[in-house]
Amino acid sequence: MKAMILAAGRGERLRPLTDHTPKPLLPAGGRPLIEHTLEALVRAGFTDIVINIAHLGEQIRARLGDGGGFGARIRYSDEGDHALETAGGIRQALDLLGPGPFVVVNGDIGTDYDFARLRREPAGDAHLVLAPNPPHHPQGDFRLDGDRVTPSPDGISVYTFAGIGLYRPELFAPLPTGRAPLAPLLRQAMAGGRITGELHPGFWLDIGTADRLEAYDRWLHGRRGAQTPPTGSLFDMRRLGR
C-alpha cells in the first residue's frame, strides 16, 4: 500500500520562517518536520511514498532525494507555483498512487499515531483519523457515530480531523484537474454513509503557527529526554531572523 505526504502548502501563518524554507523542512526536535512523518510511515511498513510539492518544493526534493536514505522509495507530484489544495493535489497524484487504497498524511502535523493501523481496505470511500478538539479549534470538524463519520448538523462537532486518512482513488477520480478542497468532497461522501473513522486519543498537534511548532519541538525533546534544542532548531532560526 502506498502513502502520500501533503507538502505543497505555503505556510502563510508561519511567515517569515517559510519565506525561504518550505514548511515541511522547518525543524522540530532537531530535524525537519517531514522527516518525522516519513520515518513513522516507513516504520509502519509504508515504503512507497508520494510527496506533493509547490512552494520552494525543490528544497524538499533535494533534502529527501529518492528516499533511499530513509528506507523508502519517494516520488514527487510537482504542482508548480500554485498548490492545488488537498483534494486537487491528491487528484493530480492518482497516477503515482495507483489503483488501490492509499494513505494520505498532512505534512504539518506532529503525532504518535501508529500508521500501521491503516494497512487495510477502507469499508467505504475513506477512513479518517480524528482527534480531540484542540484549544485553537474548539468547534471541531465532524461527529463520530460508532465507526461512521458524519457532519455536525448544528455546526458544533465533537472531534477534529487529524489530517490522516485512508482513501480509495475512486473518491477523487471524478474531480476535474485543478484546485479543489477536501472538506466538501468528504461531506458529500458522508451524506451517503461512505466515510468511517476512529479516534486517536494520543498526541496530535496541528503545526500551523510558530507557537505550535515550538510546542512540537518541546514535546520531541521531552520525549527523548533532551534538555536544550540543538543547533539548527526553530529557536536558532527565529533568533537569526531566517
Protein backbone atom coordinates (compact mmCIF):
# COMPACT_ATOMS: atom_id res chain seq x y z
CA MET A 1 0.00 0.00 0.00
CA LYS A 2 1.25 3.48 -0.91
CA ALA A 3 1.19 6.65 1.15
CA MET A 4 1.21 10.35 0.31
CA ILE A 5 2.55 13.23 2.37
CA LEU A 6 0.97 16.60 1.64
CA ALA A 7 3.83 19.09 1.49
CA ALA A 8 2.74 21.72 -1.04
CA GLY A 9 1.28 24.35 1.30
CA ARG A 10 2.94 27.73 1.61
CA GLY A 11 2.61 28.05 5.40
CA GLU A 12 1.41 31.66 5.47
CA ARG A 13 0.86 31.68 9.24
CA LEU A 14 4.47 30.67 9.78
CA ARG A 15 5.99 33.55 7.86
CA PRO A 16 8.70 34.82 7.84
CA LEU A 17 10.08 31.34 8.62
CA THR A 18 8.51 29.98 5.43
CA ASP A 19 9.65 32.80 3.17
CA HIS A 20 12.86 30.93 2.41
CA THR A 21 12.22 27.48 3.89
CA PRO A 22 9.26 25.29 2.91
CA LYS A 23 7.06 24.49 5.88
CA PRO A 24 7.82 20.72 5.86
CA LEU A 25 11.53 21.49 6.29
CA LEU A 26 11.12 23.65 9.39
CA PRO A 27 12.93 21.93 12.26
CA ALA A 28 11.42 20.30 15.30
CA GLY A 29 13.42 18.06 17.57
CA GLY A 30 16.50 18.99 15.54
CA ARG A 31 15.11 17.59 12.27
CA PRO A 32 12.70 18.74 9.53
CA LEU A 33 9.02 18.15 10.21
CA ILE A 34 8.57 15.95 7.16
CA GLU A 35 11.28 13.53 8.25
CA HIS A 36 9.37 12.63 11.42
CA THR A 37 6.30 11.77 9.33
CA LEU A 38 8.32 9.95 6.69
CA GLU A 39 10.10 7.78 9.24
CA ALA A 40 6.85 6.98 11.07
CA LEU A 41 5.32 5.80 7.79
CA VAL A 42 8.33 3.64 6.97
CA ARG A 43 8.22 2.08 10.46
CA ALA A 44 4.60 1.18 9.77
CA GLY A 45 5.52 -0.54 6.51
CA PHE A 46 4.73 2.25 4.06
CA THR A 47 7.85 2.44 1.91
CA ASP A 48 6.36 3.58 -1.44
CA ILE A 49 5.63 7.25 -0.84
CA VAL A 50 4.41 10.18 -2.94
CA ILE A 51 5.08 13.75 -1.84
CA ASN A 52 3.37 16.71 -3.48
CA ILE A 53 5.43 19.90 -3.69
CA ALA A 54 4.89 23.50 -4.75
CA HIS A 55 6.31 26.47 -2.78
CA LEU A 56 10.11 26.01 -2.59
CA GLY A 57 9.48 22.36 -3.36
CA GLU A 58 12.90 21.75 -4.85
CA GLN A 59 14.36 22.13 -1.37
CA ILE A 60 12.23 19.18 -0.24
CA ARG A 61 13.34 17.12 -3.23
CA ALA A 62 16.98 18.00 -2.53
CA ARG A 63 16.67 17.06 1.16
CA LEU A 64 14.83 13.75 0.79
CA GLY A 65 16.01 12.63 -2.65
CA ASP A 66 14.65 9.31 -3.81
CA GLY A 67 14.01 8.21 -0.23
CA GLY A 68 16.73 5.59 -0.17
CA GLY A 69 18.34 7.11 2.91
CA PHE A 70 15.08 6.55 4.80
CA GLY A 71 14.37 3.05 3.54
CA ALA A 72 11.70 4.36 1.19
CA ARG A 73 11.02 5.00 -2.46
CA ILE A 74 9.86 8.60 -2.92
CA ARG A 75 8.24 10.08 -5.99
CA TYR A 76 7.14 13.69 -6.30
CA SER A 77 3.98 15.30 -7.63
CA ASP A 78 5.03 18.82 -8.60
CA GLU A 79 2.18 21.34 -8.51
CA GLY A 80 4.24 24.24 -9.84
CA ASP A 81 3.94 27.70 -8.35
CA HIS A 82 0.37 27.32 -7.06
CA ALA A 83 -0.66 24.47 -4.77
CA LEU A 84 -3.82 22.62 -5.77
CA GLU A 85 -5.30 22.30 -2.24
CA THR A 86 -5.77 18.90 -0.66
CA ALA A 87 -8.26 17.16 -2.95
CA GLY A 88 -6.74 18.75 -6.07
CA GLY A 89 -3.26 17.65 -5.04
CA ILE A 90 -4.41 14.08 -4.41
CA ARG A 91 -6.28 14.06 -7.73
CA GLN A 92 -3.13 15.08 -9.59
CA ALA A 93 -1.11 12.34 -7.88
CA LEU A 94 -3.51 9.45 -8.63
CA ASP A 95 -1.33 8.05 -11.40
CA LEU A 96 1.55 7.80 -8.92
CA LEU A 97 -0.65 6.37 -6.17
CA GLY A 98 -2.09 3.59 -8.32
CA PRO A 99 -5.43 1.76 -8.35
CA GLY A 100 -5.58 0.59 -4.74
CA PRO A 101 -6.37 2.33 -1.45
CA PHE A 102 -3.69 4.67 -0.13
CA VAL A 103 -2.89 6.66 2.98
CA VAL A 104 -2.58 10.47 3.00
CA VAL A 105 -0.95 12.41 5.83
CA ASN A 106 -0.71 16.17 6.22
CA GLY A 107 2.90 17.29 6.26
CA ASP A 108 2.25 19.82 9.02
CA ILE A 109 1.19 17.62 11.92
CA GLY A 110 3.02 16.04 14.81
CA THR A 111 1.63 12.83 16.27
CA ASP A 112 2.39 9.50 17.90
CA TYR A 113 -0.35 7.77 15.87
CA ASP A 114 0.63 4.29 14.65
CA PHE A 115 0.13 4.39 10.87
CA ALA A 116 0.20 0.58 10.76
CA ARG A 117 -3.45 0.75 11.85
CA LEU A 118 -4.29 1.94 8.33
CA ARG A 119 -2.83 -1.04 6.46
CA ARG A 120 -6.24 -2.37 5.39
CA GLU A 121 -9.10 -1.78 2.99
CA PRO A 122 -11.48 1.04 3.98
CA ALA A 123 -15.08 -0.05 4.44
CA GLY A 124 -16.30 2.82 2.28
CA ASP A 125 -14.66 5.61 0.31
CA ALA A 126 -12.40 6.69 3.15
CA HIS A 127 -11.41 6.09 6.76
CA LEU A 128 -10.42 9.18 8.75
CA VAL A 129 -8.43 9.62 11.95
CA LEU A 130 -9.96 12.16 14.32
CA ALA A 131 -8.51 13.83 17.40
CA PRO A 132 -9.99 15.63 20.42
CA ASN A 133 -10.59 19.28 19.61
CA PRO A 134 -7.51 21.41 20.34
CA PRO A 135 -7.88 24.82 22.02
CA HIS A 136 -7.43 26.69 18.74
CA HIS A 137 -10.22 24.69 17.04
CA PRO A 138 -12.87 24.10 19.75
CA GLN A 139 -15.75 23.68 17.29
CA GLY A 140 -14.17 20.61 15.71
CA ASP A 141 -14.96 19.24 12.27
CA PHE A 142 -17.01 16.03 12.33
CA ARG A 143 -19.01 13.71 14.56
CA LEU A 144 -18.07 10.10 15.13
CA ASP A 145 -21.14 7.90 15.47
CA GLY A 146 -19.81 4.42 16.14
CA ASP A 147 -17.37 4.00 13.29
CA ARG A 148 -19.22 6.39 10.95
CA VAL A 149 -18.04 9.95 10.44
CA THR A 150 -20.80 12.48 9.86
CA PRO A 151 -21.07 16.26 9.59
CA SER A 152 -22.41 18.14 12.57
CA PRO A 153 -25.91 19.47 11.75
CA ASP A 154 -25.73 22.17 14.41
CA GLY A 155 -22.25 23.42 13.49
CA ILE A 156 -20.73 22.08 16.71
CA SER A 157 -18.77 18.92 16.11
CA VAL A 158 -17.21 16.50 18.50
CA TYR A 159 -13.78 15.86 17.00
CA THR A 160 -11.18 17.43 14.73
CA PHE A 161 -9.92 15.81 11.54
CA ALA A 162 -6.30 14.87 12.25
CA GLY A 163 -5.09 15.18 8.65
CA ILE A 164 -4.62 11.40 8.45
CA GLY A 165 -6.80 9.29 6.18
CA LEU A 166 -7.10 6.07 4.19
CA TYR A 167 -8.76 6.66 0.82
CA ARG A 168 -9.96 4.85 -2.27
CA PRO A 169 -8.89 6.52 -5.52
CA GLU A 170 -12.48 6.39 -6.74
CA LEU A 171 -13.30 9.23 -4.33
CA PHE A 172 -11.03 11.62 -6.25
CA ALA A 173 -11.13 10.28 -9.82
CA PRO A 174 -14.32 12.16 -10.84
CA LEU A 175 -12.76 15.53 -9.91
CA PRO A 176 -11.54 17.73 -12.77
CA THR A 177 -7.87 18.59 -12.61
CA GLY A 178 -7.05 21.80 -10.77
CA ARG A 179 -7.60 23.27 -7.33
CA ALA A 180 -10.11 21.52 -5.09
CA PRO A 181 -10.59 21.41 -1.30
CA LEU A 182 -11.10 18.14 0.54
CA ALA A 183 -13.88 19.00 3.02
CA PRO A 184 -16.76 19.33 0.50
CA LEU A 185 -15.81 16.01 -1.08
CA LEU A 186 -15.78 14.30 2.30
CA ARG A 187 -19.10 15.78 3.36
CA GLN A 188 -20.71 14.56 0.15
CA ALA A 189 -19.45 11.04 0.83
CA MET A 190 -20.54 11.28 4.47
CA ALA A 191 -24.07 12.03 3.33
CA GLY A 192 -24.05 8.63 1.66
CA GLY A 193 -22.63 6.90 4.74
CA ARG A 194 -19.37 6.10 2.95
CA ILE A 195 -16.86 7.50 5.48
CA THR A 196 -15.69 5.64 8.56
CA GLY A 197 -13.34 6.86 11.24
CA GLU A 198 -11.55 6.34 14.52
CA LEU A 199 -10.48 8.50 17.43
CA HIS A 200 -6.79 8.89 18.25
CA PRO A 201 -6.63 9.92 21.91
CA GLY A 202 -2.84 10.20 21.97
CA PHE A 203 -0.54 13.04 20.99
CA TRP A 204 -1.57 15.10 17.97
CA LEU A 205 -0.73 18.68 17.02
CA ASP A 206 -1.60 20.82 14.01
CA ILE A 207 1.61 22.77 13.41
CA GLY A 208 0.06 25.90 11.92
CA THR A 209 1.81 28.60 13.92
CA ALA A 210 5.26 29.29 15.34
CA ASP A 211 3.98 28.69 18.88
CA ARG A 212 2.70 25.24 17.94
CA LEU A 213 5.93 24.46 16.13
CA GLU A 214 7.80 25.31 19.33
CA ALA A 215 5.35 23.14 21.29
CA TYR A 216 6.11 20.19 19.00
CA ASP A 217 9.82 20.86 19.34
CA ARG A 218 9.49 20.76 23.14
CA TRP A 219 7.42 17.56 23.00
CA LEU A 220 10.03 15.82 20.86
CA HIS A 221 12.89 16.88 23.09
CA GLY A 222 10.96 15.93 26.21
CA ARG A 223 10.22 12.52 24.73
CA ARG A 224 13.92 11.97 24.12
CA GLY A 225 14.99 13.41 27.46
CA ALA A 226 16.89 16.30 25.86
CA GLN A 227 17.26 19.46 27.88
CA THR A 228 18.06 22.00 25.18
CA PRO A 229 17.36 22.16 21.44
CA PRO A 230 20.40 21.54 19.23
CA THR A 231 21.91 24.00 16.81
CA GLY A 232 19.69 24.42 13.77
CA SER A 233 16.46 24.27 15.75
CA LEU A 234 13.49 26.57 15.34
CA PHE A 235 14.84 28.73 18.16
CA ASP A 236 18.07 29.39 16.27
CA MET A 237 16.16 30.25 13.10
CA ARG A 238 13.95 32.77 14.88
CA ARG A 239 16.89 34.37 16.64
CA LEU A 240 18.74 34.75 13.36
CA GLY A 241 15.64 36.02 11.56
CA ARG A 242 15.68 33.24 8.97
